[in-house]
Amino acid sequence: MPALVPVVVAILAAGCGTQEFEDERDAAQGPGGVPPVAVEGGGELVSRQVSERCELPRKERLGTARVAYAARAKGTVAAFRRPGGPRLRTFDQKNANGVGTVFGVLATLIDRECRLVWYRVQLPIRPNGATGFVRADRVTLLLVRTRIEVDLSERRIDFFRNGHRVLRASAAIGTQATPTPVGRYYVNQRLLASDASGPFGPGAIGISAFSPVLTGWAQGGPIAIHGTNDPSSIGKAASYGCLRIENRHLARMLYANPEGTPVVIRE
């Protein structure tokens, strides 16, 4: 089985050579209407800004059908069940594969002094769909313009950028014994295969979901979208829970979907 290594951020642009992957000309707006100030790792850095008037502590939902937000760990980050509550998990700055730890951001929590103190985030842990709170000063906020939707009944993956579908691909899904989990997740890592002719094809797009049955697998049985050396399996219920697509589609998606990209899997 070929080894998987982290995607090198510096070559991201090479995978986005068609016009349909170009950025919008209008600037994306972040929390408080603040435009991004830089681009790193495929996600746009966003300055944090809140309202000048904060009568009560409040939570504000982030993200739309066109854009989403991610939080990249600056160092070790603790996730809590609720602000000031029990600690759920502590995450290193990089995960077991050497990829920077990223969380999908769902909302902000602002205190009475108008300070942005917490993010409510999706966590890359069991149980699937787990959420928690991380301190805003422990992470860097990123904006992403991409989205992945999976329809298991149609055995299909749709890839969106800036709210527009730019790719539709047939996929192999999990078998009845080893199903692909449904739910709302996010891309948490991208890995290149050392041998593109192997079972992963060019590589894998890891998502924050785990197999509901393969709990004893390495790293807890994580789910990914990856290529394949068995294209005849595409369109069938044939995998251990991962989603297999044609290598040409995987190569295209691998470089175009940064960490933090929402992934919705429906039955």
C-alpha atoms as a PDB file:
ATOM      1  CA  MET A   1       0.000   0.000   0.000  1.00  0.00           C
ATOM      2  CA  PRO A   2       1.509   3.379  -0.940  1.00  0.00           C
ATOM      3  CA  ALA A   3       2.355   5.868   1.732  1.00  0.00           C
ATOM      4  CA  LEU A   4       0.387   9.086   1.996  1.00  0.00           C
ATOM      5  CA  VAL A   5       2.126  12.393   2.652  1.00  0.00           C
ATOM      6  CA  PRO A   6       0.718  15.883   3.295  1.00  0.00           C
ATOM      7  CA  VAL A   7      -0.097  18.022   0.288  1.00  0.00           C
ATOM      8  CA  VAL A   8       2.543  20.697  -0.216  1.00  0.00           C
ATOM      9  CA  VAL A   9       0.774  24.039   0.007  1.00  0.00           C
ATOM     10  CA  ALA A  10       3.159  25.710  -2.441  1.00  0.00           C
ATOM     11  CA  ILE A  11       1.808  23.669  -5.369  1.00  0.00           C
ATOM     12  CA  LEU A  12      -1.857  24.458  -4.765  1.00  0.00           C
ATOM     13  CA  ALA A  13      -2.051  26.857  -7.679  1.00  0.00           C
ATOM     14  CA  ALA A  14      -0.928  24.167 -10.089  1.00  0.00           C
ATOM     15  CA  GLY A  15      -4.164  22.280  -9.559  1.00  0.00           C
ATOM     16  CA  CYS A  16      -6.396  25.270 -10.328  1.00  0.00           C
ATOM     17  CA  GLY A  17      -5.414  26.084 -13.876  1.00  0.00           C
ATOM     18  CA  THR A  18      -8.900  26.388 -15.355  1.00  0.00           C
ATOM     19  CA  GLN A  19     -10.995  29.519 -15.273  1.00  0.00           C
ATOM     20  CA  GLU A  20     -13.783  27.868 -13.300  1.00  0.00           C
ATOM     21  CA  PHE A  21     -11.447  27.623 -10.302  1.00  0.00           C
ATOM     22  CA  GLU A  22     -10.393  31.292 -10.362  1.00  0.00           C
ATOM     23  CA  ASP A  23     -11.274  33.475  -7.384  1.00  0.00           C
ATOM     24  CA  GLU A  24     -14.241  35.809  -7.577  1.00  0.00           C
ATOM     25  CA  ARG A  25     -13.333  39.389  -8.443  1.00  0.00           C
ATOM     26  CA  ASP A  26     -15.338  40.737  -5.533  1.00  0.00           C
ATOM     27  CA  ALA A  27     -13.703  40.479  -2.114  1.00  0.00           C
ATOM     28  CA  ALA A  28     -15.191  37.933   0.275  1.00  0.00           C
ATOM     29  CA  GLN A  29     -16.561  39.420   3.457  1.00  0.00           C
ATOM     30  CA  GLY A  30     -15.577  37.975   6.791  1.00  0.00           C
ATOM     31  CA  PRO A  31     -17.131  38.443  10.237  1.00  0.00           C
ATOM     32  CA  GLY A  32     -18.064  42.085  10.694  1.00  0.00           C
ATOM     33  CA  GLY A  33     -17.613  42.801   6.994  1.00  0.00           C
ATOM     34  CA  VAL A  34     -13.806  42.488   7.092  1.00  0.00           C
ATOM     35  CA  PRO A  35     -12.228  41.390   3.783  1.00  0.00           C
ATOM     36  CA  PRO A  36      -9.446  38.792   3.744  1.00  0.00           C
ATOM     37  CA  VAL A  37      -5.940  40.218   3.909  1.00  0.00           C
ATOM     38  CA  ALA A  38      -3.874  37.280   2.656  1.00  0.00           C
ATOM     39  CA  VAL A  39      -4.046  33.760   1.223  1.00  0.00           C
ATOM     40  CA  GLU A  40      -2.380  30.763   2.845  1.00  0.00           C
ATOM     41  CA  GLY A  41      -2.924  27.072   2.215  1.00  0.00           C
ATOM     42  CA  GLY A  42      -5.893  27.685  -0.034  1.00  0.00           C
ATOM     43  CA  GLY A  43      -7.893  29.414   2.702  1.00  0.00           C
ATOM     44  CA  GLU A  44      -8.083  33.202   2.955  1.00  0.00           C
ATOM     45  CA  LEU A  45      -6.879  34.754   6.191  1.00  0.00           C
ATOM     46  CA  VAL A  46      -9.612  36.840   7.807  1.00  0.00           C
ATOM     47  CA  SER A  47      -9.202  39.699  10.247  1.00  0.00           C
ATOM     48  CA  ARG A  48     -11.428  39.431  13.293  1.00  0.00           C
ATOM     49  CA  GLN A  49     -13.830  42.294  13.906  1.00  0.00           C
ATOM     50  CA  VAL A  50     -17.021  42.583  15.939  1.00  0.00           C
ATOM     51  CA  SER A  51     -19.746  45.102  16.524  1.00  0.00           C
ATOM     52  CA  GLU A  52     -18.977  48.237  18.563  1.00  0.00           C
ATOM     53  CA  ARG A  53     -22.109  47.688  20.641  1.00  0.00           C
ATOM     54  CA  CYS A  54     -22.382  44.547  22.759  1.00  0.00           C
ATOM     55  CA  GLU A  55     -25.275  44.718  25.194  1.00  0.00           C
ATOM     56  CA  LEU A  56     -25.145  41.005  25.931  1.00  0.00           C
ATOM     57  CA  PRO A  57     -22.742  38.158  25.205  1.00  0.00           C
ATOM     58  CA  ARG A  58     -23.914  36.651  21.952  1.00  0.00           C
ATOM     59  CA  LYS A  59     -23.264  33.862  19.512  1.00  0.00           C
ATOM     60  CA  GLU A  60     -23.157  34.569  15.792  1.00  0.00           C
ATOM     61  CA  ARG A  61     -23.384  31.885  13.159  1.00  0.00           C
ATOM     62  CA  LEU A  62     -20.723  31.945  10.454  1.00  0.00           C
ATOM     63  CA  GLY A  63     -20.877  30.752   6.866  1.00  0.00           C
ATOM     64  CA  THR A  64     -23.302  30.752   3.940  1.00  0.00           C
ATOM     65  CA  ALA A  65     -23.979  28.527   0.943  1.00  0.00           C
ATOM     66  CA  ARG A  66     -21.062  30.268  -0.809  1.00  0.00           C
ATOM     67  CA  VAL A  67     -18.419  30.569   1.894  1.00  0.00           C
ATOM     68  CA  ALA A  68     -17.402  28.814   5.085  1.00  0.00           C
ATOM     69  CA  TYR A  69     -14.839  29.374   7.829  1.00  0.00           C
ATOM     70  CA  ALA A  70     -12.065  27.279   9.294  1.00  0.00           C
ATOM     71  CA  ALA A  71      -9.743  27.701  12.270  1.00  0.00           C
ATOM     72  CA  ARG A  72      -6.106  26.616  12.011  1.00  0.00           C
ATOM     73  CA  ALA A  73      -4.290  25.827  15.256  1.00  0.00           C
ATOM     74  CA  LYS A  74      -1.424  28.179  16.145  1.00  0.00           C
ATOM     75  CA  GLY A  75      -0.099  25.665  18.653  1.00  0.00           C
ATOM     76  CA  THR A  76      -1.645  23.211  21.082  1.00  0.00           C
ATOM     77  CA  VAL A  77      -5.398  23.835  21.255  1.00  0.00           C
ATOM     78  CA  ALA A  78      -7.886  22.624  23.853  1.00  0.00           C
ATOM     79  CA  ALA A  79     -11.506  22.046  22.849  1.00  0.00           C
ATOM     80  CA  PHE A  80     -14.195  22.435  25.497  1.00  0.00           C
ATOM     81  CA  ARG A  81     -17.731  21.128  25.748  1.00  0.00           C
ATOM     82  CA  ARG A  82     -18.860  24.697  26.447  1.00  0.00           C
ATOM     83  CA  PRO A  83     -16.990  27.934  27.191  1.00  0.00           C
ATOM     84  CA  GLY A  84     -15.355  27.470  30.554  1.00  0.00           C
ATOM     85  CA  GLY A  85     -16.763  23.941  30.789  1.00  0.00           C
ATOM     86  CA  PRO A  86     -15.183  20.474  30.721  1.00  0.00           C
ATOM     87  CA  ARG A  87     -12.300  19.881  28.331  1.00  0.00           C
ATOM     88  CA  LEU A  88     -13.178  17.496  25.504  1.00  0.00           C
ATOM     89  CA  ARG A  89      -9.809  17.002  23.827  1.00  0.00           C
ATOM     90  CA  THR A  90      -6.435  18.647  23.377  1.00  0.00           C
ATOM     91  CA  PHE A  91      -5.089  18.869  19.825  1.00  0.00           C
ATOM     92  CA  ASP A  92      -1.485  19.308  18.740  1.00  0.00           C
ATOM     93  CA  GLN A  93      -0.625  21.928  16.144  1.00  0.00           C
ATOM     94  CA  LYS A  94      -0.168  19.084  13.631  1.00  0.00           C
ATOM     95  CA  ASN A  95      -2.100  15.811  13.444  1.00  0.00           C
ATOM     96  CA  ALA A  96      -0.768  12.255  13.223  1.00  0.00           C
ATOM     97  CA  ASN A  97      -0.019  12.704   9.510  1.00  0.00           C
ATOM     98  CA  GLY A  98       1.943  15.904   9.977  1.00  0.00           C
ATOM     99  CA  VAL A  99      -0.868  18.096   8.636  1.00  0.00           C
ATOM    100  CA  GLY A 100      -1.770  21.284  10.470  1.00  0.00           C
ATOM    101  CA  THR A 101      -4.797  20.844  12.728  1.00  0.00           C
ATOM    102  CA  VAL A 102      -7.874  22.615  11.344  1.00  0.00           C
ATOM    103  CA  PHE A 103     -11.420  22.891  12.702  1.00  0.00           C
ATOM    104  CA  GLY A 104     -14.606  23.780  10.830  1.00  0.00           C
ATOM    105  CA  VAL A 105     -16.013  26.984  12.355  1.00  0.00           C
ATOM    106  CA  LEU A 106     -19.759  27.146  13.006  1.00  0.00           C
ATOM    107  CA  ALA A 107     -20.142  30.291  15.110  1.00  0.00           C
ATOM    108  CA  THR A 108     -18.423  33.015  17.139  1.00  0.00           C
ATOM    109  CA  LEU A 109     -19.034  33.901  20.782  1.00  0.00           C
ATOM    110  CA  ILE A 110     -18.554  37.561  21.722  1.00  0.00           C
ATOM    111  CA  ASP A 111     -18.438  38.786  25.332  1.00  0.00           C
ATOM    112  CA  ARG A 112     -19.903  41.916  26.973  1.00  0.00           C
ATOM    113  CA  GLU A 113     -16.752  43.888  26.169  1.00  0.00           C
ATOM    114  CA  CYS A 114     -17.169  43.139  22.445  1.00  0.00           C
ATOM    115  CA  ARG A 115     -14.255  40.734  22.486  1.00  0.00           C
ATOM    116  CA  LEU A 116     -14.298  37.695  20.238  1.00  0.00           C
ATOM    117  CA  VAL A 117     -13.333  35.033  22.745  1.00  0.00           C
ATOM    118  CA  TRP A 118     -14.556  31.667  21.433  1.00  0.00           C
ATOM    119  CA  TYR A 119     -15.331  29.782  18.243  1.00  0.00           C
ATOM    120  CA  ARG A 120     -17.834  26.952  18.150  1.00  0.00           C
ATOM    121  CA  VAL A 121     -16.194  24.375  15.896  1.00  0.00           C
ATOM    122  CA  GLN A 122     -16.534  20.952  14.352  1.00  0.00           C
ATOM    123  CA  LEU A 123     -14.010  18.486  15.751  1.00  0.00           C
ATOM    124  CA  PRO A 124     -12.188  15.702  13.852  1.00  0.00           C
ATOM    125  CA  ILE A 125     -12.992  13.072  16.487  1.00  0.00           C
ATOM    126  CA  ARG A 126     -15.562  10.450  17.340  1.00  0.00           C
ATOM    127  CA  PRO A 127     -18.506  10.546  17.631  1.00  0.00           C
ATOM    128  CA  ASN A 128     -19.178  11.804  14.129  1.00  0.00           C
ATOM    129  CA  GLY A 129     -20.496  15.346  14.155  1.00  0.00           C
ATOM    130  CA  ALA A 130     -18.788  16.225  17.451  1.00  0.00           C
ATOM    131  CA  THR A 131     -18.534  19.948  18.206  1.00  0.00           C
ATOM    132  CA  GLY A 132     -16.881  22.037  20.868  1.00  0.00           C
ATOM    133  CA  PHE A 133     -15.479  25.473  21.678  1.00  0.00           C
ATOM    134  CA  VAL A 134     -11.920  26.683  21.158  1.00  0.00           C
ATOM    135  CA  ARG A 135     -10.410  29.980  22.263  1.00  0.00           C
ATOM    136  CA  ALA A 136     -10.215  32.501  19.439  1.00  0.00           C
ATOM    137  CA  ASP A 137      -6.665  33.549  20.302  1.00  0.00           C
ATOM    138  CA  ARG A 138      -5.408  29.969  19.874  1.00  0.00           C
ATOM    139  CA  VAL A 139      -6.354  29.723  16.190  1.00  0.00           C
ATOM    140  CA  THR A 140      -6.159  31.612  12.900  1.00  0.00           C
ATOM    141  CA  LEU A 141      -9.445  32.212  11.098  1.00  0.00           C
ATOM    142  CA  LEU A 142      -9.617  31.226   7.415  1.00  0.00           C
ATOM    143  CA  LEU A 143     -12.310  31.696   4.789  1.00  0.00           C
ATOM    144  CA  VAL A 144     -12.934  28.976   2.197  1.00  0.00           C
ATOM    145  CA  ARG A 145     -15.039  29.235  -0.942  1.00  0.00           C
ATOM    146  CA  THR A 146     -15.479  25.533  -1.656  1.00  0.00           C
ATOM    147  CA  ARG A 147     -18.022  22.878  -0.713  1.00  0.00           C
ATOM    148  CA  ILE A 148     -18.440  19.147  -1.344  1.00  0.00           C
ATOM    149  CA  GLU A 149     -21.800  17.373  -1.385  1.00  0.00           C
ATOM    150  CA  VAL A 150     -22.160  13.591  -1.503  1.00  0.00           C
ATOM    151  CA  ASP A 151     -25.371  11.780  -2.489  1.00  0.00           C
ATOM    152  CA  LEU A 152     -25.051   8.148  -1.451  1.00  0.00           C
ATOM    153  CA  SER A 153     -28.247   7.002  -3.137  1.00  0.00           C
ATOM    154  CA  GLU A 154     -26.997   8.431  -6.444  1.00  0.00           C
ATOM    155  CA  ARG A 155     -23.393   7.434  -5.679  1.00  0.00           C
ATOM    156  CA  ARG A 156     -22.300  10.882  -6.692  1.00  0.00           C
ATOM    157  CA  ILE A 157     -20.047  13.701  -5.526  1.00  0.00           C
ATOM    158  CA  ASP A 158     -20.619  17.361  -6.417  1.00  0.00           C
ATOM    159  CA  PHE A 159     -17.893  19.950  -5.945  1.00  0.00           C
ATOM    160  CA  PHE A 160     -18.858  23.627  -5.614  1.00  0.00           C
ATOM    161  CA  ARG A 161     -16.777  26.784  -5.711  1.00  0.00           C
ATOM    162  CA  ASN A 162     -18.235  30.201  -4.891  1.00  0.00           C
ATOM    163  CA  GLY A 163     -21.668  28.562  -4.780  1.00  0.00           C
ATOM    164  CA  HIS A 164     -21.432  27.155  -8.315  1.00  0.00           C
ATOM    165  CA  ARG A 165     -21.041  23.489  -9.147  1.00  0.00           C
ATOM    166  CA  VAL A 166     -17.836  22.938 -11.084  1.00  0.00           C
ATOM    167  CA  LEU A 167     -17.541  19.147 -10.984  1.00  0.00           C
ATOM    168  CA  ARG A 168     -19.884  16.150 -10.719  1.00  0.00           C
ATOM    169  CA  ALA A 169     -18.328  12.699 -10.358  1.00  0.00           C
ATOM    170  CA  SER A 170     -19.576   9.152  -9.831  1.00  0.00           C
ATOM    171  CA  ALA A 171     -18.243   7.516  -6.684  1.00  0.00           C
ATOM    172  CA  ALA A 172     -17.876   4.131  -5.062  1.00  0.00           C
ATOM    173  CA  ILE A 173     -19.426   4.192  -1.595  1.00  0.00           C
ATOM    174  CA  GLY A 174     -19.298   1.922   1.431  1.00  0.00           C
ATOM    175  CA  THR A 175     -20.902  -1.485   1.439  1.00  0.00           C
ATOM    176  CA  GLN A 176     -23.890  -2.345   3.609  1.00  0.00           C
ATOM    177  CA  ALA A 177     -21.497  -3.912   6.151  1.00  0.00           C
ATOM    178  CA  THR A 178     -19.059  -0.971   6.070  1.00  0.00           C
ATOM    179  CA  PRO A 179     -21.245   2.050   5.237  1.00  0.00           C
ATOM    180  CA  THR A 180     -20.198   5.583   4.473  1.00  0.00           C
ATOM    181  CA  PRO A 181     -21.401   7.744   7.379  1.00  0.00           C
ATOM    182  CA  VAL A 182     -23.942  10.472   6.640  1.00  0.00           C
ATOM    183  CA  GLY A 183     -23.691  13.898   8.215  1.00  0.00           C
ATOM    184  CA  ARG A 184     -22.009  17.282   8.008  1.00  0.00           C
ATOM    185  CA  TYR A 185     -18.231  17.267   8.098  1.00  0.00           C
ATOM    186  CA  TYR A 186     -15.279  19.207   6.700  1.00  0.00           C
ATOM    187  CA  VAL A 187     -11.969  18.589   4.949  1.00  0.00           C
ATOM    188  CA  ASN A 188      -9.350  18.233   7.680  1.00  0.00           C
ATOM    189  CA  GLN A 189      -6.326  17.066   5.662  1.00  0.00           C
ATOM    190  CA  ARG A 190      -5.075  16.388   2.157  1.00  0.00           C
ATOM    191  CA  LEU A 191      -2.551  13.667   1.440  1.00  0.00           C
ATOM    192  CA  LEU A 192      -0.530  12.719  -1.628  1.00  0.00           C
ATOM    193  CA  ALA A 193       0.178   9.051  -2.400  1.00  0.00           C
ATOM    194  CA  SER A 194       3.802   8.052  -2.894  1.00  0.00           C
ATOM    195  CA  ASP A 195       2.623   5.714  -5.682  1.00  0.00           C
ATOM    196  CA  ALA A 196      -0.186   7.130  -7.826  1.00  0.00           C
ATOM    197  CA  SER A 197      -0.854   3.656  -9.252  1.00  0.00           C
ATOM    198  CA  GLY A 198      -1.836   2.310  -5.827  1.00  0.00           C
ATOM    199  CA  PRO A 199      -5.251   1.941  -4.164  1.00  0.00           C
ATOM    200  CA  PHE A 200      -5.513   5.659  -3.330  1.00  0.00           C
ATOM    201  CA  GLY A 201      -4.621   6.890  -6.800  1.00  0.00           C
ATOM    202  CA  PRO A 202      -2.981  10.336  -6.595  1.00  0.00           C
ATOM    203  CA  GLY A 203      -3.985  10.794  -2.977  1.00  0.00           C
ATOM    204  CA  ALA A 204      -6.796  11.404  -0.518  1.00  0.00           C
ATOM    205  CA  ILE A 205      -8.964  14.220   0.787  1.00  0.00           C
ATOM    206  CA  GLY A 206      -9.460  13.401   4.447  1.00  0.00           C
ATOM    207  CA  ILE A 207     -12.697  14.472   6.107  1.00  0.00           C
ATOM    208  CA  SER A 208     -13.674  14.726   9.771  1.00  0.00           C
ATOM    209  CA  ALA A 209     -15.741  11.535   9.733  1.00  0.00           C
ATOM    210  CA  PHE A 210     -15.020   8.018  10.903  1.00  0.00           C
ATOM    211  CA  SER A 211     -16.327   4.624   9.923  1.00  0.00           C
ATOM    212  CA  PRO A 212     -19.267   3.659  12.148  1.00  0.00           C
ATOM    213  CA  VAL A 213     -18.014   0.057  12.313  1.00  0.00           C
ATOM    214  CA  LEU A 214     -14.232  -0.065  11.691  1.00  0.00           C
ATOM    215  CA  THR A 215     -13.269   1.360  15.067  1.00  0.00           C
ATOM    216  CA  GLY A 216     -10.095  -0.729  15.320  1.00  0.00           C
ATOM    217  CA  TRP A 217      -8.494   0.619  12.146  1.00  0.00           C
ATOM    218  CA  ALA A 218      -5.454   2.877  12.216  1.00  0.00           C
ATOM    219  CA  GLN A 219      -6.251   6.377  13.516  1.00  0.00           C
ATOM    220  CA  GLY A 220      -9.780   5.215  14.336  1.00  0.00           C
ATOM    221  CA  GLY A 221     -10.978   4.395  10.816  1.00  0.00           C
ATOM    222  CA  PRO A 222     -11.061   7.866   9.201  1.00  0.00           C
ATOM    223  CA  ILE A 223     -13.105   8.474   6.057  1.00  0.00           C
ATOM    224  CA  ALA A 224     -11.664  10.073   2.919  1.00  0.00           C
ATOM    225  CA  ILE A 225     -12.385  10.819  -0.705  1.00  0.00           C
ATOM    226  CA  HIS A 226      -9.616   9.218  -2.735  1.00  0.00           C
ATOM    227  CA  GLY A 227      -8.634   7.857  -6.118  1.00  0.00           C
ATOM    228  CA  THR A 228      -8.408   4.175  -6.983  1.00  0.00           C
ATOM    229  CA  ASN A 229      -6.563   1.540  -8.971  1.00  0.00           C
ATOM    230  CA  ASP A 230      -9.881  -0.270  -9.465  1.00  0.00           C
ATOM    231  CA  PRO A 231     -12.010   2.097 -11.571  1.00  0.00           C
ATOM    232  CA  SER A 232     -14.540  -0.703 -12.162  1.00  0.00           C
ATOM    233  CA  SER A 233     -15.690  -0.240  -8.539  1.00  0.00           C
ATOM    234  CA  ILE A 234     -16.803   3.358  -9.133  1.00  0.00           C
ATOM    235  CA  GLY A 235     -20.574   3.705  -8.988  1.00  0.00           C
ATOM    236  CA  LYS A 236     -20.913   0.662  -6.747  1.00  0.00           C
ATOM    237  CA  ALA A 237     -21.231   0.001  -3.024  1.00  0.00           C
ATOM    238  CA  ALA A 238     -17.740  -1.451  -2.829  1.00  0.00           C
ATOM    239  CA  SER A 239     -15.580   0.355  -0.267  1.00  0.00           C
ATOM    240  CA  TYR A 240     -14.886   0.160   3.441  1.00  0.00           C
ATOM    241  CA  GLY A 241     -16.649   3.489   3.872  1.00  0.00           C
ATOM    242  CA  CYS A 242     -14.420   5.832   1.907  1.00  0.00           C
ATOM    243  CA  LEU A 243     -15.509   7.442  -1.347  1.00  0.00           C
ATOM    244  CA  ARG A 244     -13.572   6.434  -4.471  1.00  0.00           C
ATOM    245  CA  ILE A 245     -13.602   8.579  -7.586  1.00  0.00           C
ATOM    246  CA  GLU A 246     -11.684   8.560 -10.853  1.00  0.00           C
ATOM    247  CA  ASN A 247      -8.074   9.588 -10.440  1.00  0.00           C
ATOM    248  CA  ARG A 248      -8.468  12.538 -12.797  1.00  0.00           C
ATOM    249  CA  HIS A 249     -11.294  13.905 -10.666  1.00  0.00           C
ATOM    250  CA  LEU A 250      -9.415  13.263  -7.437  1.00  0.00           C
ATOM    251  CA  ALA A 251      -6.354  15.107  -8.705  1.00  0.00           C
ATOM    252  CA  ARG A 252      -8.533  18.071  -9.607  1.00  0.00           C
ATOM    253  CA  MET A 253     -10.344  18.167  -6.280  1.00  0.00           C
ATOM    254  CA  LEU A 254      -7.272  17.484  -4.151  1.00  0.00           C
ATOM    255  CA  TYR A 255      -5.652  20.809  -4.913  1.00  0.00           C
ATOM    256  CA  ALA A 256      -8.836  22.858  -5.109  1.00  0.00           C
ATOM    257  CA  ASN A 257     -10.441  22.032  -1.732  1.00  0.00           C
ATOM    258  CA  PRO A 258      -8.504  23.498   1.196  1.00  0.00           C
ATOM    259  CA  GLU A 259      -8.802  22.324   4.753  1.00  0.00           C
ATOM    260  CA  GLY A 260     -12.053  23.629   6.189  1.00  0.00           C
ATOM    261  CA  THR A 261     -14.119  22.889   3.071  1.00  0.00           C
ATOM    262  CA  PRO A 262     -17.595  21.726   4.230  1.00  0.00           C
ATOM    263  CA  VAL A 263     -18.523  18.162   3.268  1.00  0.00           C
ATOM    264  CA  VAL A 264     -22.193  17.121   3.412  1.00  0.00           C
ATOM    265  CA  ILE A 265     -22.975  13.413   3.011  1.00  0.00           C
ATOM    266  CA  ARG A 266     -26.624  12.501   2.437  1.00  0.00           C
ATOM    267  CA  GLU A 267     -28.348   9.165   1.979  1.00  0.00           C
END
